[in-house]
Amino acid sequence: MRRLFIISTWIVIVTYLLLLMIGWSRGTLSIRWIIFMSVITILIIAVLYGLTKLIRYLDRKLYKELKRMMK
């Protein structure tokens, strides 16, 4: 799960930087837009972190249940 979080975080960061570079090269980048994109990026990373924690929790819970059923 940690690998999934790291890979998806890097994808989000690279996309964020790419959009910043495109906005900067076109000259349409404003402070409001930078703040908006930063907040959205942080929220996406937080959601990905929460999803990986949820998946890990469910995996452990289901494994314990399966182990209990196999006895």
PDB file of N, CA and C in Angstrom:
ATOM      1  N   MET A   1       0.811  -1.191   0.000  1.00  0.00           N
ATOM      2  CA  MET A   1       0.000   0.000   0.000  1.00  0.00           C
ATOM      3  C   MET A   1       0.860   1.262   0.000  1.00  0.00           C
ATOM      4  N   ARG A   2       1.992   1.182   0.661  1.00  0.00           N
ATOM      5  CA  ARG A   2       2.857   2.357   0.716  1.00  0.00           C
ATOM      6  C   ARG A   2       3.360   2.702  -0.682  1.00  0.00           C
ATOM      7  N   ARG A   3       3.679   1.674  -1.459  1.00  0.00           N
ATOM      8  CA  ARG A   3       4.149   1.915  -2.822  1.00  0.00           C
ATOM      9  C   ARG A   3       3.058   2.586  -3.664  1.00  0.00           C
ATOM     10  N   LEU A   4       1.820   2.155  -3.488  1.00  0.00           N
ATOM     11  CA  LEU A   4       0.704   2.767  -4.211  1.00  0.00           C
ATOM     12  C   LEU A   4       0.572   4.240  -3.852  1.00  0.00           C
ATOM     13  N   PHE A   5       0.699   4.560  -2.564  1.00  0.00           N
ATOM     14  CA  PHE A   5       0.604   5.946  -2.123  1.00  0.00           C
ATOM     15  C   PHE A   5       1.747   6.784  -2.698  1.00  0.00           C
ATOM     16  N   ILE A   6       2.942   6.255  -2.691  1.00  0.00           N
ATOM     17  CA  ILE A   6       4.096   7.004  -3.195  1.00  0.00           C
ATOM     18  C   ILE A   6       3.969   7.249  -4.693  1.00  0.00           C
ATOM     19  N   ILE A   7       3.581   6.241  -5.437  1.00  0.00           N
ATOM     20  CA  ILE A   7       3.440   6.385  -6.893  1.00  0.00           C
ATOM     21  C   ILE A   7       2.343   7.391  -7.225  1.00  0.00           C
ATOM     22  N   SER A   8       1.190   7.276  -6.578  1.00  0.00           N
ATOM     23  CA  SER A   8       0.097   8.202  -6.884  1.00  0.00           C
ATOM     24  C   SER A   8       0.422   9.618  -6.427  1.00  0.00           C
ATOM     25  N   THR A   9       1.174   9.771  -5.332  1.00  0.00           N
ATOM     26  CA  THR A   9       1.582  11.104  -4.899  1.00  0.00           C
ATOM     27  C   THR A   9       2.514  11.740  -5.916  1.00  0.00           C
ATOM     28  N   TRP A  10       3.444  10.970  -6.431  1.00  0.00           N
ATOM     29  CA  TRP A  10       4.342  11.509  -7.448  1.00  0.00           C
ATOM     30  C   TRP A  10       3.597  11.888  -8.723  1.00  0.00           C
ATOM     31  N   ILE A  11       2.603  11.108  -9.102  1.00  0.00           N
ATOM     32  CA  ILE A  11       1.801  11.444 -10.286  1.00  0.00           C
ATOM     33  C   ILE A  11       1.086  12.778 -10.074  1.00  0.00           C
ATOM     34  N   VAL A  12       0.520  12.971  -8.889  1.00  0.00           N
ATOM     35  CA  VAL A  12      -0.182  14.220  -8.591  1.00  0.00           C
ATOM     36  C   VAL A  12       0.790  15.396  -8.588  1.00  0.00           C
ATOM     37  N   ILE A  13       1.959  15.236  -7.988  1.00  0.00           N
ATOM     38  CA  ILE A  13       2.930  16.324  -7.923  1.00  0.00           C
ATOM     39  C   ILE A  13       3.456  16.686  -9.305  1.00  0.00           C
ATOM     40  N   VAL A  14       3.737  15.683 -10.124  1.00  0.00           N
ATOM     41  CA  VAL A  14       4.222  15.951 -11.483  1.00  0.00           C
ATOM     42  C   VAL A  14       3.146  16.662 -12.302  1.00  0.00           C
ATOM     43  N   THR A  15       1.899  16.241 -12.157  1.00  0.00           N
ATOM     44  CA  THR A  15       0.805  16.909 -12.857  1.00  0.00           C
ATOM     45  C   THR A  15       0.667  18.356 -12.397  1.00  0.00           C
ATOM     46  N   TYR A  16       0.780  18.580 -11.094  1.00  0.00           N
ATOM     47  CA  TYR A  16       0.725  19.930 -10.530  1.00  0.00           C
ATOM     48  C   TYR A  16       1.822  20.817 -11.112  1.00  0.00           C
ATOM     49  N   LEU A  17       3.052  20.300 -11.138  1.00  0.00           N
ATOM     50  CA  LEU A  17       4.163  21.070 -11.679  1.00  0.00           C
ATOM     51  C   LEU A  17       4.008  21.323 -13.176  1.00  0.00           C
ATOM     52  N   LEU A  18       3.488  20.353 -13.888  1.00  0.00           N
ATOM     53  CA  LEU A  18       3.249  20.519 -15.321  1.00  0.00           C
ATOM     54  C   LEU A  18       2.226  21.622 -15.580  1.00  0.00           C
ATOM     55  N   LEU A  19       1.147  21.622 -14.802  1.00  0.00           N
ATOM     56  CA  LEU A  19       0.137  22.674 -14.967  1.00  0.00           C
ATOM     57  C   LEU A  19       0.690  24.045 -14.586  1.00  0.00           C
ATOM     58  N   LEU A  20       1.533  24.097 -13.571  1.00  0.00           N
ATOM     59  CA  LEU A  20       2.173  25.370 -13.211  1.00  0.00           C
ATOM     60  C   LEU A  20       3.073  25.869 -14.336  1.00  0.00           C
ATOM     61  N   MET A  21       3.835  24.965 -14.937  1.00  0.00           N
ATOM     62  CA  MET A  21       4.725  25.367 -16.025  1.00  0.00           C
ATOM     63  C   MET A  21       3.940  25.844 -17.238  1.00  0.00           C
ATOM     64  N   ILE A  22       2.830  25.173 -17.539  1.00  0.00           N
ATOM     65  CA  ILE A  22       2.001  25.598 -18.675  1.00  0.00           C
ATOM     66  C   ILE A  22       1.417  26.982 -18.410  1.00  0.00           C
ATOM     67  N   GLY A  23       0.903  27.194 -17.196  1.00  0.00           N
ATOM     68  CA  GLY A  23       0.348  28.508 -16.858  1.00  0.00           C
ATOM     69  C   GLY A  23       1.402  29.592 -16.860  1.00  0.00           C
ATOM     70  N   TRP A  24       2.597  29.277 -16.396  1.00  0.00           N
ATOM     71  CA  TRP A  24       3.682  30.253 -16.368  1.00  0.00           C
ATOM     72  C   TRP A  24       4.143  30.611 -17.776  1.00  0.00           C
ATOM     73  N   SER A  25       4.223  29.604 -18.659  1.00  0.00           N
ATOM     74  CA  SER A  25       4.687  29.876 -20.026  1.00  0.00           C
ATOM     75  C   SER A  25       3.659  30.676 -20.823  1.00  0.00           C
ATOM     76  N   ARG A  26       2.384  30.502 -20.534  1.00  0.00           N
ATOM     77  CA  ARG A  26       1.340  31.266 -21.224  1.00  0.00           C
ATOM     78  C   ARG A  26       1.127  32.646 -20.605  1.00  0.00           C
ATOM     79  N   GLY A  27       1.620  32.828 -19.406  1.00  0.00           N
ATOM     80  CA  GLY A  27       1.462  34.111 -18.729  1.00  0.00           C
ATOM     81  C   GLY A  27       0.099  34.284 -18.083  1.00  0.00           C
ATOM     82  N   THR A  28      -0.603  33.193 -17.850  1.00  0.00           N
ATOM     83  CA  THR A  28      -1.948  33.270 -17.259  1.00  0.00           C
ATOM     84  C   THR A  28      -1.965  32.844 -15.799  1.00  0.00           C
ATOM     85  N   LEU A  29      -0.798  32.755 -15.184  1.00  0.00           N
ATOM     86  CA  LEU A  29      -0.689  32.272 -13.816  1.00  0.00           C
ATOM     87  C   LEU A  29      -0.841  33.436 -12.836  1.00  0.00           C
ATOM     88  N   SER A  30      -1.779  33.299 -11.907  1.00  0.00           N
ATOM     89  CA  SER A  30      -1.969  34.326 -10.887  1.00  0.00           C
ATOM     90  C   SER A  30      -1.789  33.694  -9.508  1.00  0.00           C
ATOM     91  N   ILE A  31      -1.654  34.545  -8.504  1.00  0.00           N
ATOM     92  CA  ILE A  31      -1.471  34.057  -7.138  1.00  0.00           C
ATOM     93  C   ILE A  31      -2.688  33.250  -6.701  1.00  0.00           C
ATOM     94  N   ARG A  32      -3.870  33.713  -7.046  1.00  0.00           N
ATOM     95  CA  ARG A  32      -5.104  33.004  -6.685  1.00  0.00           C
ATOM     96  C   ARG A  32      -5.123  31.607  -7.300  1.00  0.00           C
ATOM     97  N   TRP A  33      -4.702  31.509  -8.542  1.00  0.00           N
ATOM     98  CA  TRP A  33      -4.686  30.218  -9.224  1.00  0.00           C
ATOM     99  C   TRP A  33      -3.651  29.279  -8.595  1.00  0.00           C
ATOM    100  N   ILE A  34      -2.475  29.797  -8.211  1.00  0.00           N
ATOM    101  CA  ILE A  34      -1.447  28.981  -7.568  1.00  0.00           C
ATOM    102  C   ILE A  34      -1.962  28.444  -6.236  1.00  0.00           C
ATOM    103  N   ILE A  35      -2.603  29.308  -5.448  1.00  0.00           N
ATOM    104  CA  ILE A  35      -3.150  28.876  -4.160  1.00  0.00           C
ATOM    105  C   ILE A  35      -4.235  27.825  -4.366  1.00  0.00           C
ATOM    106  N   PHE A  36      -5.125  28.051  -5.333  1.00  0.00           N
ATOM    107  CA  PHE A  36      -6.192  27.097  -5.629  1.00  0.00           C
ATOM    108  C   PHE A  36      -5.624  25.738  -6.023  1.00  0.00           C
ATOM    109  N   MET A  37      -4.642  25.723  -6.917  1.00  0.00           N
ATOM    110  CA  MET A  37      -4.053  24.458  -7.357  1.00  0.00           C
ATOM    111  C   MET A  37      -3.310  23.774  -6.216  1.00  0.00           C
ATOM    112  N   SER A  38      -2.660  24.557  -5.357  1.00  0.00           N
ATOM    113  CA  SER A  38      -1.945  23.971  -4.217  1.00  0.00           C
ATOM    114  C   SER A  38      -2.911  23.307  -3.246  1.00  0.00           C
ATOM    115  N   VAL A  39      -4.021  23.963  -2.967  1.00  0.00           N
ATOM    116  CA  VAL A  39      -5.020  23.390  -2.059  1.00  0.00           C
ATOM    117  C   VAL A  39      -5.614  22.123  -2.652  1.00  0.00           C
ATOM    118  N   ILE A  40      -5.937  22.138  -3.921  1.00  0.00           N
ATOM    119  CA  ILE A  40      -6.489  20.949  -4.583  1.00  0.00           C
ATOM    120  C   ILE A  40      -5.477  19.805  -4.549  1.00  0.00           C
ATOM    121  N   THR A  41      -4.207  20.111  -4.794  1.00  0.00           N
ATOM    122  CA  THR A  41      -3.167  19.078  -4.767  1.00  0.00           C
ATOM    123  C   THR A  41      -3.035  18.474  -3.376  1.00  0.00           C
ATOM    124  N   ILE A  42      -3.038  19.308  -2.351  1.00  0.00           N
ATOM    125  CA  ILE A  42      -2.935  18.813  -0.976  1.00  0.00           C
ATOM    126  C   ILE A  42      -4.142  17.949  -0.626  1.00  0.00           C
ATOM    127  N   LEU A  43      -5.331  18.366  -1.059  1.00  0.00           N
ATOM    128  CA  LEU A  43      -6.528  17.572  -0.787  1.00  0.00           C
ATOM    129  C   LEU A  43      -6.482  16.214  -1.497  1.00  0.00           C
ATOM    130  N   ILE A  44      -6.010  16.192  -2.720  1.00  0.00           N
ATOM    131  CA  ILE A  44      -5.914  14.930  -3.457  1.00  0.00           C
ATOM    132  C   ILE A  44      -4.936  13.988  -2.768  1.00  0.00           C
ATOM    133  N   ILE A  45      -3.797  14.519  -2.322  1.00  0.00           N
ATOM    134  CA  ILE A  45      -2.821  13.683  -1.629  1.00  0.00           C
ATOM    135  C   ILE A  45      -3.396  13.167  -0.311  1.00  0.00           C
ATOM    136  N   ALA A  46      -4.146  14.013   0.404  1.00  0.00           N
ATOM    137  CA  ALA A  46      -4.769  13.574   1.665  1.00  0.00           C
ATOM    138  C   ALA A  46      -5.793  12.463   1.415  1.00  0.00           C
ATOM    139  N   VAL A  47      -6.567  12.583   0.344  1.00  0.00           N
ATOM    140  CA  VAL A  47      -7.547  11.551   0.008  1.00  0.00           C
ATOM    141  C   VAL A  47      -6.837  10.247  -0.356  1.00  0.00           C
ATOM    142  N   LEU A  48      -5.771  10.332  -1.120  1.00  0.00           N
ATOM    143  CA  LEU A  48      -5.009   9.126  -1.467  1.00  0.00           C
ATOM    144  C   LEU A  48      -4.422   8.468  -0.223  1.00  0.00           C
ATOM    145  N   TYR A  49      -3.924   9.269   0.704  1.00  0.00           N
ATOM    146  CA  TYR A  49      -3.389   8.732   1.954  1.00  0.00           C
ATOM    147  C   TYR A  49      -4.490   8.032   2.754  1.00  0.00           C
ATOM    148  N   GLY A  50      -5.655   8.666   2.827  1.00  0.00           N
ATOM    149  CA  GLY A  50      -6.778   8.064   3.538  1.00  0.00           C
ATOM    150  C   GLY A  50      -7.244   6.773   2.893  1.00  0.00           C
ATOM    151  N   LEU A  51      -7.265   6.744   1.563  1.00  0.00           N
ATOM    152  CA  LEU A  51      -7.675   5.527   0.863  1.00  0.00           C
ATOM    153  C   LEU A  51      -6.699   4.378   1.103  1.00  0.00           C
ATOM    154  N   THR A  52      -5.403   4.672   1.095  1.00  0.00           N
ATOM    155  CA  THR A  52      -4.451   3.595   1.348  1.00  0.00           C
ATOM    156  C   THR A  52      -4.579   3.085   2.785  1.00  0.00           C
ATOM    157  N   LYS A  53      -4.831   3.984   3.733  1.00  0.00           N
ATOM    158  CA  LYS A  53      -5.039   3.546   5.126  1.00  0.00           C
ATOM    159  C   LYS A  53      -6.308   2.696   5.231  1.00  0.00           C
ATOM    160  N   LEU A  54      -7.381   3.104   4.541  1.00  0.00           N
ATOM    161  CA  LEU A  54      -8.629   2.356   4.564  1.00  0.00           C
ATOM    162  C   LEU A  54      -8.455   0.980   3.938  1.00  0.00           C
ATOM    163  N   ILE A  55      -7.756   0.918   2.823  1.00  0.00           N
ATOM    164  CA  ILE A  55      -7.532  -0.364   2.156  1.00  0.00           C
ATOM    165  C   ILE A  55      -6.702  -1.282   3.047  1.00  0.00           C
ATOM    166  N   ARG A  56      -5.670  -0.739   3.698  1.00  0.00           N
ATOM    167  CA  ARG A  56      -4.850  -1.544   4.600  1.00  0.00           C
ATOM    168  C   ARG A  56      -5.674  -2.053   5.783  1.00  0.00           C
ATOM    169  N   TYR A  57      -6.527  -1.200   6.340  1.00  0.00           N
ATOM    170  CA  TYR A  57      -7.381  -1.601   7.461  1.00  0.00           C
ATOM    171  C   TYR A  57      -8.336  -2.718   7.053  1.00  0.00           C
ATOM    172  N   LEU A  58      -8.995  -2.548   5.899  1.00  0.00           N
ATOM    173  CA  LEU A  58      -9.931  -3.568   5.425  1.00  0.00           C
ATOM    174  C   LEU A  58      -9.217  -4.874   5.106  1.00  0.00           C
ATOM    175  N   ASP A  59      -8.017  -4.777   4.555  1.00  0.00           N
ATOM    176  CA  ASP A  59      -7.246  -5.970   4.237  1.00  0.00           C
ATOM    177  C   ASP A  59      -6.920  -6.756   5.509  1.00  0.00           C
ATOM    178  N   ARG A  60      -6.458  -6.056   6.533  1.00  0.00           N
ATOM    179  CA  ARG A  60      -6.145  -6.733   7.799  1.00  0.00           C
ATOM    180  C   ARG A  60      -7.394  -7.332   8.431  1.00  0.00           C
ATOM    181  N   LYS A  61      -8.484  -6.580   8.405  1.00  0.00           N
ATOM    182  CA  LYS A  61      -9.721  -7.058   9.016  1.00  0.00           C
ATOM    183  C   LYS A  61     -10.246  -8.304   8.290  1.00  0.00           C
ATOM    184  N   LEU A  62     -10.228  -8.265   6.962  1.00  0.00           N
ATOM    185  CA  LEU A  62     -10.696  -9.416   6.200  1.00  0.00           C
ATOM    186  C   LEU A  62      -9.767 -10.611   6.374  1.00  0.00           C
ATOM    187  N   TYR A  63      -8.461 -10.368   6.498  1.00  0.00           N
ATOM    188  CA  TYR A  63      -7.520 -11.459   6.712  1.00  0.00           C
ATOM    189  C   TYR A  63      -7.761 -12.123   8.062  1.00  0.00           C
ATOM    190  N   LYS A  64      -7.996 -11.321   9.087  1.00  0.00           N
ATOM    191  CA  LYS A  64      -8.279 -11.886  10.411  1.00  0.00           C
ATOM    192  C   LYS A  64      -9.576 -12.687  10.383  1.00  0.00           C
ATOM    193  N   GLU A  65     -10.575 -12.181   9.685  1.00  0.00           N
ATOM    194  CA  GLU A  65     -11.852 -12.884   9.588  1.00  0.00           C
ATOM    195  C   GLU A  65     -11.678 -14.200   8.835  1.00  0.00           C
ATOM    196  N   LEU A  66     -10.916 -14.172   7.755  1.00  0.00           N
ATOM    197  CA  LEU A  66     -10.666 -15.392   6.997  1.00  0.00           C
ATOM    198  C   LEU A  66      -9.888 -16.405   7.820  1.00  0.00           C
ATOM    199  N   LYS A  67      -8.908 -15.928   8.571  1.00  0.00           N
ATOM    200  CA  LYS A  67      -8.122 -16.803   9.413  1.00  0.00           C
ATOM    201  C   LYS A  67      -8.989 -17.430  10.497  1.00  0.00           C
ATOM    202  N   ARG A  68      -9.921 -16.651  11.054  1.00  0.00           N
ATOM    203  CA  ARG A  68     -10.818 -17.174  12.066  1.00  0.00           C
ATOM    204  C   ARG A  68     -11.779 -18.208  11.478  1.00  0.00           C
ATOM    205  N   MET A  69     -12.221 -17.989  10.259  1.00  0.00           N
ATOM    206  CA  MET A  69     -13.139 -18.921   9.614  1.00  0.00           C
ATOM    207  C   MET A  69     -12.448 -20.231   9.224  1.00  0.00           C
ATOM    208  N   MET A  70     -11.167 -20.171   8.954  1.00  0.00           N
ATOM    209  CA  MET A  70     -10.440 -21.365   8.536  1.00  0.00           C
ATOM    210  C   MET A  70     -10.151 -22.297   9.702  1.00  0.00           C
ATOM    211  N   LYS A  71     -10.240 -21.827  10.926  1.00  0.00           N
ATOM    212  CA  LYS A  71      -9.951 -22.675  12.092  1.00  0.00           C
ATOM    213  C   LYS A  71     -11.063 -23.655  12.355  1.00  0.00           C
TER     214      LYS A  71
END
